[in-house]
Amino acid sequence: MEDLHNTEEATFPVDDVRNVVKDAVVKVLEGKAYDEDKVQEWIDVINSNVIKKLCALQTPFKYISTTVIMEKKLANLHCSCSALWDNVNDGNFVFPWENQSLFCLTTIFGVQL
């Protein structure tokens, strides 16, 4: 069996991650207005779908998905994260999305196995 750690496949698949996250976020939020009672459900569905689809790629990574949804008002959102990892093999991707009433920020971390 081929060692995935020594192949091109071991590189964080940023293009695949981008497509998976965009698809999951748009499917859940497109055409929706901010609804405080539905935000947790939307976040759960987005994160669950992202993880399922990323695992289906069968790449040698553990994935972590976080999503923040907030109502668009006159407030700012400041986010930060920090990780100690292998900058060559591990990676992350941040996907911002918004419409007239809400802002969504989904972040994916991929840590090579």
PDB file of N, CA and C in Angstrom:
ATOM      1  N   MET A   1       0.845  -1.187   0.000  1.00  0.00           N
ATOM      2  CA  MET A   1       0.000   0.000   0.000  1.00  0.00           C
ATOM      3  C   MET A   1       0.888   1.247   0.000  1.00  0.00           C
ATOM      4  N   GLU A   2       0.498   2.210  -0.766  1.00  0.00           N
ATOM      5  CA  GLU A   2       1.266   3.445  -0.912  1.00  0.00           C
ATOM      6  C   GLU A   2       1.178   4.291   0.355  1.00  0.00           C
ATOM      7  N   ASP A   3       2.280   4.888   0.745  1.00  0.00           N
ATOM      8  CA  ASP A   3       2.323   5.748   1.916  1.00  0.00           C
ATOM      9  C   ASP A   3       1.819   7.140   1.539  1.00  0.00           C
ATOM     10  N   LEU A   4       0.618   7.503   2.018  1.00  0.00           N
ATOM     11  CA  LEU A   4       0.016   8.789   1.662  1.00  0.00           C
ATOM     12  C   LEU A   4       0.812   9.968   2.194  1.00  0.00           C
ATOM     13  N   HIS A   5       1.626   9.747   3.206  1.00  0.00           N
ATOM     14  CA  HIS A   5       2.398  10.844   3.778  1.00  0.00           C
ATOM     15  C   HIS A   5       3.516  11.308   2.855  1.00  0.00           C
ATOM     16  N   ASN A   6       3.850  10.516   1.856  1.00  0.00           N
ATOM     17  CA  ASN A   6       4.932  10.871   0.946  1.00  0.00           C
ATOM     18  C   ASN A   6       4.430  11.192  -0.454  1.00  0.00           C
ATOM     19  N   THR A   7       3.154  11.476  -0.608  1.00  0.00           N
ATOM     20  CA  THR A   7       2.599  11.760  -1.928  1.00  0.00           C
ATOM     21  C   THR A   7       1.969  13.140  -1.946  1.00  0.00           C
ATOM     22  N   GLU A   8       1.633  13.555  -3.144  1.00  0.00           N
ATOM     23  CA  GLU A   8       0.975  14.844  -3.317  1.00  0.00           C
ATOM     24  C   GLU A   8      -0.385  14.871  -2.622  1.00  0.00           C
ATOM     25  N   GLU A   9      -1.016  13.704  -2.476  1.00  0.00           N
ATOM     26  CA  GLU A   9      -2.326  13.624  -1.836  1.00  0.00           C
ATOM     27  C   GLU A   9      -2.278  14.069  -0.382  1.00  0.00           C
ATOM     28  N   ALA A  10      -1.089  14.072   0.230  1.00  0.00           N
ATOM     29  CA  ALA A  10      -0.970  14.445   1.634  1.00  0.00           C
ATOM     30  C   ALA A  10      -1.021  15.960   1.843  1.00  0.00           C
ATOM     31  N   THR A  11      -1.039  16.729   0.780  1.00  0.00           N
ATOM     32  CA  THR A  11      -1.133  18.179   0.882  1.00  0.00           C
ATOM     33  C   THR A  11      -2.559  18.571   1.237  1.00  0.00           C
ATOM     34  N   PHE A  12      -2.697  19.546   2.130  1.00  0.00           N
ATOM     35  CA  PHE A  12      -4.034  20.018   2.515  1.00  0.00           C
ATOM     36  C   PHE A  12      -4.812  20.396   1.257  1.00  0.00           C
ATOM     37  N   PRO A  13      -5.957  19.758   1.021  1.00  0.00           N
ATOM     38  CA  PRO A  13      -6.697  19.932  -0.236  1.00  0.00           C
ATOM     39  C   PRO A  13      -7.566  21.191  -0.236  1.00  0.00           C
ATOM     40  N   VAL A  14      -6.944  22.346  -0.291  1.00  0.00           N
ATOM     41  CA  VAL A  14      -7.656  23.611  -0.118  1.00  0.00           C
ATOM     42  C   VAL A  14      -8.764  23.806  -1.154  1.00  0.00           C
ATOM     43  N   ASP A  15      -8.560  23.410  -2.399  1.00  0.00           N
ATOM     44  CA  ASP A  15      -9.603  23.580  -3.417  1.00  0.00           C
ATOM     45  C   ASP A  15     -10.822  22.714  -3.110  1.00  0.00           C
ATOM     46  N   ASP A  16     -10.585  21.476  -2.702  1.00  0.00           N
ATOM     47  CA  ASP A  16     -11.697  20.597  -2.326  1.00  0.00           C
ATOM     48  C   ASP A  16     -12.419  21.130  -1.096  1.00  0.00           C
ATOM     49  N   VAL A  17     -11.657  21.603  -0.123  1.00  0.00           N
ATOM     50  CA  VAL A  17     -12.250  22.160   1.096  1.00  0.00           C
ATOM     51  C   VAL A  17     -13.112  23.364   0.755  1.00  0.00           C
ATOM     52  N   ARG A  18     -12.591  24.245  -0.087  1.00  0.00           N
ATOM     53  CA  ARG A  18     -13.350  25.436  -0.504  1.00  0.00           C
ATOM     54  C   ARG A  18     -14.689  25.024  -1.131  1.00  0.00           C
ATOM     55  N   ASN A  19     -14.659  24.069  -2.033  1.00  0.00           N
ATOM     56  CA  ASN A  19     -15.884  23.638  -2.706  1.00  0.00           C
ATOM     57  C   ASN A  19     -16.883  23.010  -1.744  1.00  0.00           C
ATOM     58  N   VAL A  20     -16.383  22.184  -0.839  1.00  0.00           N
ATOM     59  CA  VAL A  20     -17.257  21.521   0.132  1.00  0.00           C
ATOM     60  C   VAL A  20     -17.909  22.550   1.059  1.00  0.00           C
ATOM     61  N   VAL A  21     -17.119  23.469   1.574  1.00  0.00           N
ATOM     62  CA  VAL A  21     -17.650  24.467   2.515  1.00  0.00           C
ATOM     63  C   VAL A  21     -18.643  25.392   1.815  1.00  0.00           C
ATOM     64  N   LYS A  22     -18.275  25.882   0.653  1.00  0.00           N
ATOM     65  CA  LYS A  22     -19.179  26.776  -0.078  1.00  0.00           C
ATOM     66  C   LYS A  22     -20.509  26.090  -0.346  1.00  0.00           C
ATOM     67  N   ASP A  23     -20.472  24.858  -0.804  1.00  0.00           N
ATOM     68  CA  ASP A  23     -21.693  24.111  -1.095  1.00  0.00           C
ATOM     69  C   ASP A  23     -22.552  23.950   0.163  1.00  0.00           C
ATOM     70  N   ALA A  24     -21.926  23.584   1.274  1.00  0.00           N
ATOM     71  CA  ALA A  24     -22.681  23.369   2.518  1.00  0.00           C
ATOM     72  C   ALA A  24     -23.309  24.654   3.026  1.00  0.00           C
ATOM     73  N   VAL A  25     -22.559  25.743   3.020  1.00  0.00           N
ATOM     74  CA  VAL A  25     -23.070  27.022   3.529  1.00  0.00           C
ATOM     75  C   VAL A  25     -24.196  27.552   2.647  1.00  0.00           C
ATOM     76  N   VAL A  26     -23.983  27.540   1.343  1.00  0.00           N
ATOM     77  CA  VAL A  26     -24.999  28.073   0.419  1.00  0.00           C
ATOM     78  C   VAL A  26     -26.280  27.248   0.498  1.00  0.00           C
ATOM     79  N   LYS A  27     -26.166  25.922   0.559  1.00  0.00           N
ATOM     80  CA  LYS A  27     -27.369  25.069   0.630  1.00  0.00           C
ATOM     81  C   LYS A  27     -28.204  25.365   1.873  1.00  0.00           C
ATOM     82  N   VAL A  28     -27.552  25.668   2.985  1.00  0.00           N
ATOM     83  CA  VAL A  28     -28.280  25.910   4.224  1.00  0.00           C
ATOM     84  C   VAL A  28     -28.786  27.346   4.329  1.00  0.00           C
ATOM     85  N   LEU A  29     -27.993  28.318   3.902  1.00  0.00           N
ATOM     86  CA  LEU A  29     -28.310  29.716   4.210  1.00  0.00           C
ATOM     87  C   LEU A  29     -28.870  30.550   3.062  1.00  0.00           C
ATOM     88  N   GLU A  30     -28.697  30.110   1.835  1.00  0.00           N
ATOM     89  CA  GLU A  30     -29.160  30.934   0.723  1.00  0.00           C
ATOM     90  C   GLU A  30     -30.662  31.207   0.829  1.00  0.00           C
ATOM     91  N   GLY A  31     -31.024  32.460   0.737  1.00  0.00           N
ATOM     92  CA  GLY A  31     -32.424  32.864   0.794  1.00  0.00           C
ATOM     93  C   GLY A  31     -33.000  32.951   2.192  1.00  0.00           C
ATOM     94  N   LYS A  32     -32.187  32.697   3.206  1.00  0.00           N
ATOM     95  CA  LYS A  32     -32.671  32.727   4.585  1.00  0.00           C
ATOM     96  C   LYS A  32     -32.432  34.102   5.205  1.00  0.00           C
ATOM     97  N   ALA A  33     -33.360  34.497   6.062  1.00  0.00           N
ATOM     98  CA  ALA A  33     -33.194  35.692   6.888  1.00  0.00           C
ATOM     99  C   ALA A  33     -32.757  35.229   8.270  1.00  0.00           C
ATOM    100  N   TYR A  34     -32.001  36.063   8.963  1.00  0.00           N
ATOM    101  CA  TYR A  34     -31.528  35.704  10.293  1.00  0.00           C
ATOM    102  C   TYR A  34     -32.709  35.348  11.190  1.00  0.00           C
ATOM    103  N   ASP A  35     -32.590  34.198  11.862  1.00  0.00           N
ATOM    104  CA  ASP A  35     -33.611  33.734  12.789  1.00  0.00           C
ATOM    105  C   ASP A  35     -32.890  33.094  13.970  1.00  0.00           C
ATOM    106  N   GLU A  36     -32.892  33.795  15.096  1.00  0.00           N
ATOM    107  CA  GLU A  36     -32.164  33.339  16.279  1.00  0.00           C
ATOM    108  C   GLU A  36     -32.529  31.910  16.669  1.00  0.00           C
ATOM    109  N   ASP A  37     -33.780  31.533  16.478  1.00  0.00           N
ATOM    110  CA  ASP A  37     -34.237  30.199  16.858  1.00  0.00           C
ATOM    111  C   ASP A  37     -33.698  29.102  15.938  1.00  0.00           C
ATOM    112  N   LYS A  38     -33.224  29.452  14.755  1.00  0.00           N
ATOM    113  CA  LYS A  38     -32.738  28.458  13.799  1.00  0.00           C
ATOM    114  C   LYS A  38     -31.220  28.437  13.647  1.00  0.00           C
ATOM    115  N   VAL A  39     -30.537  29.402  14.226  1.00  0.00           N
ATOM    116  CA  VAL A  39     -29.086  29.520  14.033  1.00  0.00           C
ATOM    117  C   VAL A  39     -28.347  28.259  14.463  1.00  0.00           C
ATOM    118  N   GLN A  40     -28.642  27.718  15.634  1.00  0.00           N
ATOM    119  CA  GLN A  40     -27.923  26.525  16.098  1.00  0.00           C
ATOM    120  C   GLN A  40     -28.151  25.351  15.153  1.00  0.00           C
ATOM    121  N   GLU A  41     -29.362  25.176  14.671  1.00  0.00           N
ATOM    122  CA  GLU A  41     -29.651  24.102  13.708  1.00  0.00           C
ATOM    123  C   GLU A  41     -28.841  24.306  12.428  1.00  0.00           C
ATOM    124  N   TRP A  42     -28.806  25.533  11.923  1.00  0.00           N
ATOM    125  CA  TRP A  42     -28.042  25.820  10.701  1.00  0.00           C
ATOM    126  C   TRP A  42     -26.568  25.501  10.894  1.00  0.00           C
ATOM    127  N   ILE A  43     -26.015  25.913  12.022  1.00  0.00           N
ATOM    128  CA  ILE A  43     -24.606  25.650  12.312  1.00  0.00           C
ATOM    129  C   ILE A  43     -24.347  24.147  12.377  1.00  0.00           C
ATOM    130  N   ASP A  44     -25.212  23.418  13.061  1.00  0.00           N
ATOM    131  CA  ASP A  44     -25.049  21.969  13.173  1.00  0.00           C
ATOM    132  C   ASP A  44     -25.092  21.290  11.803  1.00  0.00           C
ATOM    133  N   VAL A  45     -26.018  21.706  10.955  1.00  0.00           N
ATOM    134  CA  VAL A  45     -26.147  21.107   9.626  1.00  0.00           C
ATOM    135  C   VAL A  45     -24.924  21.437   8.772  1.00  0.00           C
ATOM    136  N   ILE A  46     -24.490  22.680   8.789  1.00  0.00           N
ATOM    137  CA  ILE A  46     -23.311  23.078   8.015  1.00  0.00           C
ATOM    138  C   ILE A  46     -22.096  22.273   8.449  1.00  0.00           C
ATOM    139  N   ASN A  47     -21.793  22.261   9.742  1.00  0.00           N
ATOM    140  CA  ASN A  47     -20.609  21.553  10.229  1.00  0.00           C
ATOM    141  C   ASN A  47     -20.692  20.050   9.963  1.00  0.00           C
ATOM    142  N   SER A  48     -21.841  19.472  10.171  1.00  0.00           N
ATOM    143  CA  SER A  48     -22.022  18.041   9.941  1.00  0.00           C
ATOM    144  C   SER A  48     -21.814  17.686   8.464  1.00  0.00           C
ATOM    145  N   ASN A  49     -22.422  18.469   7.579  1.00  0.00           N
ATOM    146  CA  ASN A  49     -22.276  18.196   6.149  1.00  0.00           C
ATOM    147  C   ASN A  49     -20.843  18.393   5.676  1.00  0.00           C
ATOM    148  N   VAL A  50     -20.184  19.418   6.179  1.00  0.00           N
ATOM    149  CA  VAL A  50     -18.791  19.666   5.809  1.00  0.00           C
ATOM    150  C   VAL A  50     -17.916  18.486   6.232  1.00  0.00           C
ATOM    151  N   ILE A  51     -18.050  18.043   7.461  1.00  0.00           N
ATOM    152  CA  ILE A  51     -17.211  16.940   7.949  1.00  0.00           C
ATOM    153  C   ILE A  51     -17.495  15.658   7.173  1.00  0.00           C
ATOM    154  N   LYS A  52     -18.749  15.349   6.922  1.00  0.00           N
ATOM    155  CA  LYS A  52     -19.093  14.137   6.156  1.00  0.00           C
ATOM    156  C   LYS A  52     -18.461  14.169   4.770  1.00  0.00           C
ATOM    157  N   LYS A  53     -18.578  15.301   4.090  1.00  0.00           N
ATOM    158  CA  LYS A  53     -18.045  15.396   2.728  1.00  0.00           C
ATOM    159  C   LYS A  53     -16.520  15.410   2.715  1.00  0.00           C
ATOM    160  N   LEU A  54     -15.895  16.036   3.697  1.00  0.00           N
ATOM    161  CA  LEU A  54     -14.438  16.024   3.751  1.00  0.00           C
ATOM    162  C   LEU A  54     -13.909  14.624   4.063  1.00  0.00           C
ATOM    163  N   CYS A  55     -14.578  13.906   4.939  1.00  0.00           N
ATOM    164  CA  CYS A  55     -14.169  12.530   5.235  1.00  0.00           C
ATOM    165  C   CYS A  55     -14.316  11.636   4.003  1.00  0.00           C
ATOM    166  N   ALA A  56     -15.322  11.915   3.186  1.00  0.00           N
ATOM    167  CA  ALA A  56     -15.543  11.128   1.966  1.00  0.00           C
ATOM    168  C   ALA A  56     -14.414  11.317   0.951  1.00  0.00           C
ATOM    169  N   LEU A  57     -13.636  12.382   1.083  1.00  0.00           N
ATOM    170  CA  LEU A  57     -12.496  12.604   0.188  1.00  0.00           C
ATOM    171  C   LEU A  57     -11.383  11.588   0.441  1.00  0.00           C
ATOM    172  N   GLN A  58     -11.413  10.945   1.590  1.00  0.00           N
ATOM    173  CA  GLN A  58     -10.432   9.934   1.988  1.00  0.00           C
ATOM    174  C   GLN A  58      -8.995  10.449   1.899  1.00  0.00           C
ATOM    175  N   THR A  59      -8.793  11.624   2.427  1.00  0.00           N
ATOM    176  CA  THR A  59      -7.448  12.198   2.519  1.00  0.00           C
ATOM    177  C   THR A  59      -6.918  11.930   3.925  1.00  0.00           C
ATOM    178  N   PRO A  60      -5.620  11.943   4.119  1.00  0.00           N
ATOM    179  CA  PRO A  60      -5.046  11.606   5.435  1.00  0.00           C
ATOM    180  C   PRO A  60      -5.057  12.793   6.413  1.00  0.00           C
ATOM    181  N   PHE A  61      -6.254  13.306   6.681  1.00  0.00           N
ATOM    182  CA  PHE A  61      -6.389  14.453   7.577  1.00  0.00           C
ATOM    183  C   PHE A  61      -7.504  14.227   8.577  1.00  0.00           C
ATOM    184  N   LYS A  62      -7.319  14.799   9.760  1.00  0.00           N
ATOM    185  CA  LYS A  62      -8.416  14.984  10.708  1.00  0.00           C
ATOM    186  C   LYS A  62      -8.921  16.393  10.438  1.00  0.00           C
ATOM    187  N   TYR A  63     -10.230  16.547  10.327  1.00  0.00           N
ATOM    188  CA  TYR A  63     -10.807  17.858  10.036  1.00  0.00           C
ATOM    189  C   TYR A  63     -11.577  18.381  11.231  1.00  0.00           C
ATOM    190  N   ILE A  64     -11.490  19.673  11.410  1.00  0.00           N
ATOM    191  CA  ILE A  64     -12.240  20.380  12.445  1.00  0.00           C
ATOM    192  C   ILE A  64     -12.985  21.502  11.746  1.00  0.00           C
ATOM    193  N   SER A  65     -14.280  21.603  12.002  1.00  0.00           N
ATOM    194  CA  SER A  65     -15.103  22.635  11.374  1.00  0.00           C
ATOM    195  C   SER A  65     -15.764  23.475  12.450  1.00  0.00           C
ATOM    196  N   THR A  66     -15.639  24.800  12.312  1.00  0.00           N
ATOM    197  CA  THR A  66     -16.348  25.715  13.203  1.00  0.00           C
ATOM    198  C   THR A  66     -17.117  26.712  12.353  1.00  0.00           C
ATOM    199  N   THR A  67     -18.289  27.075  12.811  1.00  0.00           N
ATOM    200  CA  THR A  67     -19.118  28.038  12.092  1.00  0.00           C
ATOM    201  C   THR A  67     -19.706  29.039  13.071  1.00  0.00           C
ATOM    202  N   VAL A  68     -19.669  30.297  12.674  1.00  0.00           N
ATOM    203  CA  VAL A  68     -20.285  31.380  13.425  1.00  0.00           C
ATOM    204  C   VAL A  68     -21.309  32.031  12.505  1.00  0.00           C
ATOM    205  N   ILE A  69     -22.509  32.218  13.000  1.00  0.00           N
ATOM    206  CA  ILE A  69     -23.551  32.948  12.253  1.00  0.00           C
ATOM    207  C   ILE A  69     -24.032  34.069  13.148  1.00  0.00           C
ATOM    208  N   MET A  70     -24.040  35.264  12.598  1.00  0.00           N
ATOM    209  CA  MET A  70     -24.546  36.391  13.382  1.00  0.00           C
ATOM    210  C   MET A  70     -25.411  37.288  12.512  1.00  0.00           C
ATOM    211  N   GLU A  71     -26.308  37.949  13.176  1.00  0.00           N
ATOM    212  CA  GLU A  71     -27.189  38.884  12.484  1.00  0.00           C
ATOM    213  C   GLU A  71     -26.388  40.102  12.056  1.00  0.00           C
ATOM    214  N   LYS A  72     -26.717  40.592  10.855  1.00  0.00           N
ATOM    215  CA  LYS A  72     -26.054  41.806  10.378  1.00  0.00           C
ATOM    216  C   LYS A  72     -26.676  43.001  11.072  1.00  0.00           C
ATOM    217  N   LYS A  73     -25.900  43.620  11.899  1.00  0.00           N
ATOM    218  CA  LYS A  73     -26.296  44.840  12.597  1.00  0.00           C
ATOM    219  C   LYS A  73     -25.071  45.722  12.649  1.00  0.00           C
ATOM    220  N   LEU A  74     -25.169  46.787  13.343  1.00  0.00           N
ATOM    221  CA  LEU A  74     -24.026  47.692  13.456  1.00  0.00           C
ATOM    222  C   LEU A  74     -23.063  47.204  14.534  1.00  0.00           C
ATOM    223  N   ALA A  75     -22.582  45.985  14.347  1.00  0.00           N
ATOM    224  CA  ALA A  75     -21.619  45.406  15.275  1.00  0.00           C
ATOM    225  C   ALA A  75     -20.506  44.753  14.464  1.00  0.00           C
ATOM    226  N   ASN A  76     -19.342  44.704  15.049  1.00  0.00           N
ATOM    227  CA  ASN A  76     -18.208  44.080  14.385  1.00  0.00           C
ATOM    228  C   ASN A  76     -17.968  42.696  14.961  1.00  0.00           C
ATOM    229  N   LEU A  77     -17.382  41.841  14.147  1.00  0.00           N
ATOM    230  CA  LEU A  77     -16.981  40.516  14.587  1.00  0.00           C
ATOM    231  C   LEU A  77     -15.481  40.412  14.401  1.00  0.00           C
ATOM    232  N   HIS A  78     -14.779  40.093  15.469  1.00  0.00           N
ATOM    233  CA  HIS A  78     -13.340  39.893  15.408  1.00  0.00           C
ATOM    234  C   HIS A  78     -13.063  38.457  15.844  1.00  0.00           C
ATOM    235  N   CYS A  79     -12.368  37.714  15.007  1.00  0.00           N
ATOM    236  CA  CYS A  79     -12.055  36.320  15.314  1.00  0.00           C
ATOM    237  C   CYS A  79     -10.562  36.101  15.210  1.00  0.00           C
ATOM    238  N   SER A  80     -10.098  35.161  15.982  1.00  0.00           N
ATOM    239  CA  SER A  80      -8.692  34.805  15.931  1.00  0.00           C
ATOM    240  C   SER A  80      -8.559  33.350  16.325  1.00  0.00           C
ATOM    241  N   CYS A  81      -7.550  32.699  15.802  1.00  0.00           N
ATOM    242  CA  CYS A  81      -7.254  31.347  16.223  1.00  0.00           C
ATOM    243  C   CYS A  81      -5.743  31.160  16.183  1.00  0.00           C
ATOM    244  N   SER A  82      -5.294  30.165  16.879  1.00  0.00           N
ATOM    245  CA  SER A  82      -3.872  29.873  16.918  1.00  0.00           C
ATOM    246  C   SER A  82      -3.697  28.367  16.923  1.00  0.00           C
ATOM    247  N   ALA A  83      -2.676  27.888  16.233  1.00  0.00           N
ATOM    248  CA  ALA A  83      -2.428  26.454  16.186  1.00  0.00           C
ATOM    249  C   ALA A  83      -0.926  26.199  16.143  1.00  0.00           C
ATOM    250  N   LEU A  84      -0.525  25.120  16.762  1.00  0.00           N
ATOM    251  CA  LEU A  84       0.856  24.666  16.684  1.00  0.00           C
ATOM    252  C   LEU A  84       0.818  23.400  15.842  1.00  0.00           C
ATOM    253  N   TRP A  85       1.300  23.511  14.604  1.00  0.00           N
ATOM    254  CA  TRP A  85       1.214  22.383  13.701  1.00  0.00           C
ATOM    255  C   TRP A  85       2.312  22.434  12.665  1.00  0.00           C
ATOM    256  N   ASP A  86       2.271  21.510  11.743  1.00  0.00           N
ATOM    257  CA  ASP A  86       3.240  21.430  10.657  1.00  0.00           C
ATOM    258  C   ASP A  86       2.751  22.312   9.515  1.00  0.00           C
ATOM    259  N   ASN A  87       3.389  23.444   9.315  1.00  0.00           N
ATOM    260  CA  ASN A  87       2.947  24.397   8.284  1.00  0.00           C
ATOM    261  C   ASN A  87       3.037  23.842   6.866  1.00  0.00           C
ATOM    262  N   VAL A  88       3.804  22.813   6.651  1.00  0.00           N
ATOM    263  CA  VAL A  88       3.938  22.231   5.322  1.00  0.00           C
ATOM    264  C   VAL A  88       2.766  21.300   5.015  1.00  0.00           C
ATOM    265  N   ASN A  89       2.359  20.496   5.977  1.00  0.00           N
ATOM    266  CA  ASN A  89       1.367  19.453   5.718  1.00  0.00           C
ATOM    267  C   ASN A  89      -0.028  19.750   6.252  1.00  0.00           C
ATOM    268  N   ASP A  90      -0.153  20.531   7.303  1.00  0.00           N
ATOM    269  CA  ASP A  90      -1.455  20.862   7.866  1.00  0.00           C
ATOM    270  C   ASP A  90      -1.952  22.151   7.226  1.00  0.00           C
ATOM    271  N   GLY A  91      -3.214  22.461   7.407  1.00  0.00           N
ATOM    272  CA  GLY A  91      -3.718  23.689   6.815  1.00  0.00           C
ATOM    273  C   GLY A  91      -5.060  24.104   7.367  1.00  0.00           C
ATOM    274  N   ASN A  92      -5.490  25.263   6.930  1.00  0.00           N
ATOM    275  CA  ASN A  92      -6.814  25.740   7.315  1.00  0.00           C
ATOM    276  C   ASN A  92      -7.401  26.544   6.165  1.00  0.00           C
ATOM    277  N   PHE A  93      -8.698  26.724   6.223  1.00  0.00           N
ATOM    278  CA  PHE A  93      -9.412  27.480   5.209  1.00  0.00           C
ATOM    279  C   PHE A  93     -10.544  28.231   5.898  1.00  0.00           C
ATOM    280  N   VAL A  94     -10.702  29.508   5.575  1.00  0.00           N
ATOM    281  CA  VAL A  94     -11.762  30.338   6.148  1.00  0.00           C
ATOM    282  C   VAL A  94     -12.689  30.767   5.026  1.00  0.00           C
ATOM    283  N   PHE A  95     -13.988  30.534   5.222  1.00  0.00           N
ATOM    284  CA  PHE A  95     -14.979  30.872   4.204  1.00  0.00           C
ATOM    285  C   PHE A  95     -16.000  31.853   4.778  1.00  0.00           C
ATOM    286  N   PRO A  96     -15.913  33.133   4.392  1.00  0.00           N
ATOM    287  CA  PRO A  96     -16.937  34.099   4.810  1.00  0.00           C
ATOM    288  C   PRO A  96     -18.084  34.108   3.804  1.00  0.00           C
ATOM    289  N   TRP A  97     -19.296  34.236   4.300  1.00  0.00           N
ATOM    290  CA  TRP A  97     -20.472  34.303   3.420  1.00  0.00           C
ATOM    291  C   TRP A  97     -21.481  35.233   4.077  1.00  0.00           C
ATOM    292  N   GLU A  98     -22.185  36.001   3.279  1.00  0.00           N
ATOM    293  CA  GLU A  98     -23.192  36.896   3.845  1.00  0.00           C
ATOM    294  C   GLU A  98     -24.326  37.127   2.868  1.00  0.00           C
ATOM    295  N   ASN A  99     -25.452  37.540   3.423  1.00  0.00           N
ATOM    296  CA  ASN A  99     -26.574  38.022   2.623  1.00  0.00           C
ATOM    297  C   ASN A  99     -27.082  39.299   3.302  1.00  0.00           C
ATOM    298  N   GLN A 100     -28.290  39.698   3.003  1.00  0.00           N
ATOM    299  CA  GLN A 100     -28.816  40.966   3.526  1.00  0.00           C
ATOM    300  C   GLN A 100     -28.971  40.984   5.044  1.00  0.00           C
ATOM    301  N   SER A 101     -29.218  39.810   5.660  1.00  0.00           N
ATOM    302  CA  SER A 101     -29.530  39.834   7.088  1.00  0.00           C
ATOM    303  C   SER A 101     -28.564  39.076   7.990  1.00  0.00           C
ATOM    304  N   LEU A 102     -27.649  38.300   7.419  1.00  0.00           N
ATOM    305  CA  LEU A 102     -26.760  37.541   8.286  1.00  0.00           C
ATOM    306  C   LEU A 102     -25.358  37.423   7.706  1.00  0.00           C
ATOM    307  N   PHE A 103     -24.442  37.096   8.592  1.00  0.00           N
ATOM    308  CA  PHE A 103     -23.050  36.883   8.233  1.00  0.00           C
ATOM    309  C   PHE A 103     -22.649  35.518   8.770  1.00  0.00           C
ATOM    310  N   CYS A 104     -21.957  34.734   7.947  1.00  0.00           N
ATOM    311  CA  CYS A 104     -21.512  33.406   8.344  1.00  0.00           C
ATOM    312  C   CYS A 104     -20.007  33.296   8.101  1.00  0.00           C
ATOM    313  N   LEU A 105     -19.314  32.701   9.046  1.00  0.00           N
ATOM    314  CA  LEU A 105     -17.884  32.475   8.918  1.00  0.00           C
ATOM    315  C   LEU A 105     -17.618  31.014   9.305  1.00  0.00           C
ATOM    316  N   THR A 106     -17.190  30.224   8.317  1.00  0.00           N
ATOM    317  CA  THR A 106     -16.866  28.825   8.563  1.00  0.00           C
ATOM    318  C   THR A 106     -15.362  28.644   8.406  1.00  0.00           C
ATOM    319  N   THR A 107     -14.756  28.009   9.395  1.00  0.00           N
ATOM    320  CA  THR A 107     -13.328  27.765   9.387  1.00  0.00           C
ATOM    321  C   THR A 107     -13.079  26.262   9.463  1.00  0.00           C
ATOM    322  N   ILE A 108     -12.198  25.793   8.599  1.00  0.00           N
ATOM    323  CA  ILE A 108     -11.829  24.387   8.563  1.00  0.00           C
ATOM    324  C   ILE A 108     -10.344  24.262   8.891  1.00  0.00           C
ATOM    325  N   PHE A 109     -10.028  23.342   9.770  1.00  0.00           N
ATOM    326  CA  PHE A 109      -8.644  22.997  10.065  1.00  0.00           C
ATOM    327  C   PHE A 109      -8.436  21.570   9.609  1.00  0.00           C
ATOM    328  N   GLY A 110      -7.325  21.324   8.946  1.00  0.00           N
ATOM    329  CA  GLY A 110      -6.965  19.969   8.532  1.00  0.00           C
ATOM    330  C   GLY A 110      -5.611  19.618   9.110  1.00  0.00           C
ATOM    331  N   VAL A 111      -5.581  18.592   9.957  1.00  0.00           N
ATOM    332  CA  VAL A 111      -4.340  18.169  10.581  1.00  0.00           C
ATOM    333  C   VAL A 111      -4.002  16.788  10.027  1.00  0.00           C
ATOM    334  N   GLN A 112      -2.829  16.692   9.412  1.00  0.00           N
ATOM    335  CA  GLN A 112      -2.438  15.439   8.767  1.00  0.00           C
ATOM    336  C   GLN A 112      -2.256  14.325   9.788  1.00  0.00           C
ATOM    337  N   LEU A 113      -2.750  13.151   9.433  1.00  0.00           N
ATOM    338  CA  LEU A 113      -2.618  11.967  10.306  1.00  0.00           C
ATOM    339  C   LEU A 113      -1.201  11.445  10.290  1.00  0.00           C
TER     340      LEU A 113
END
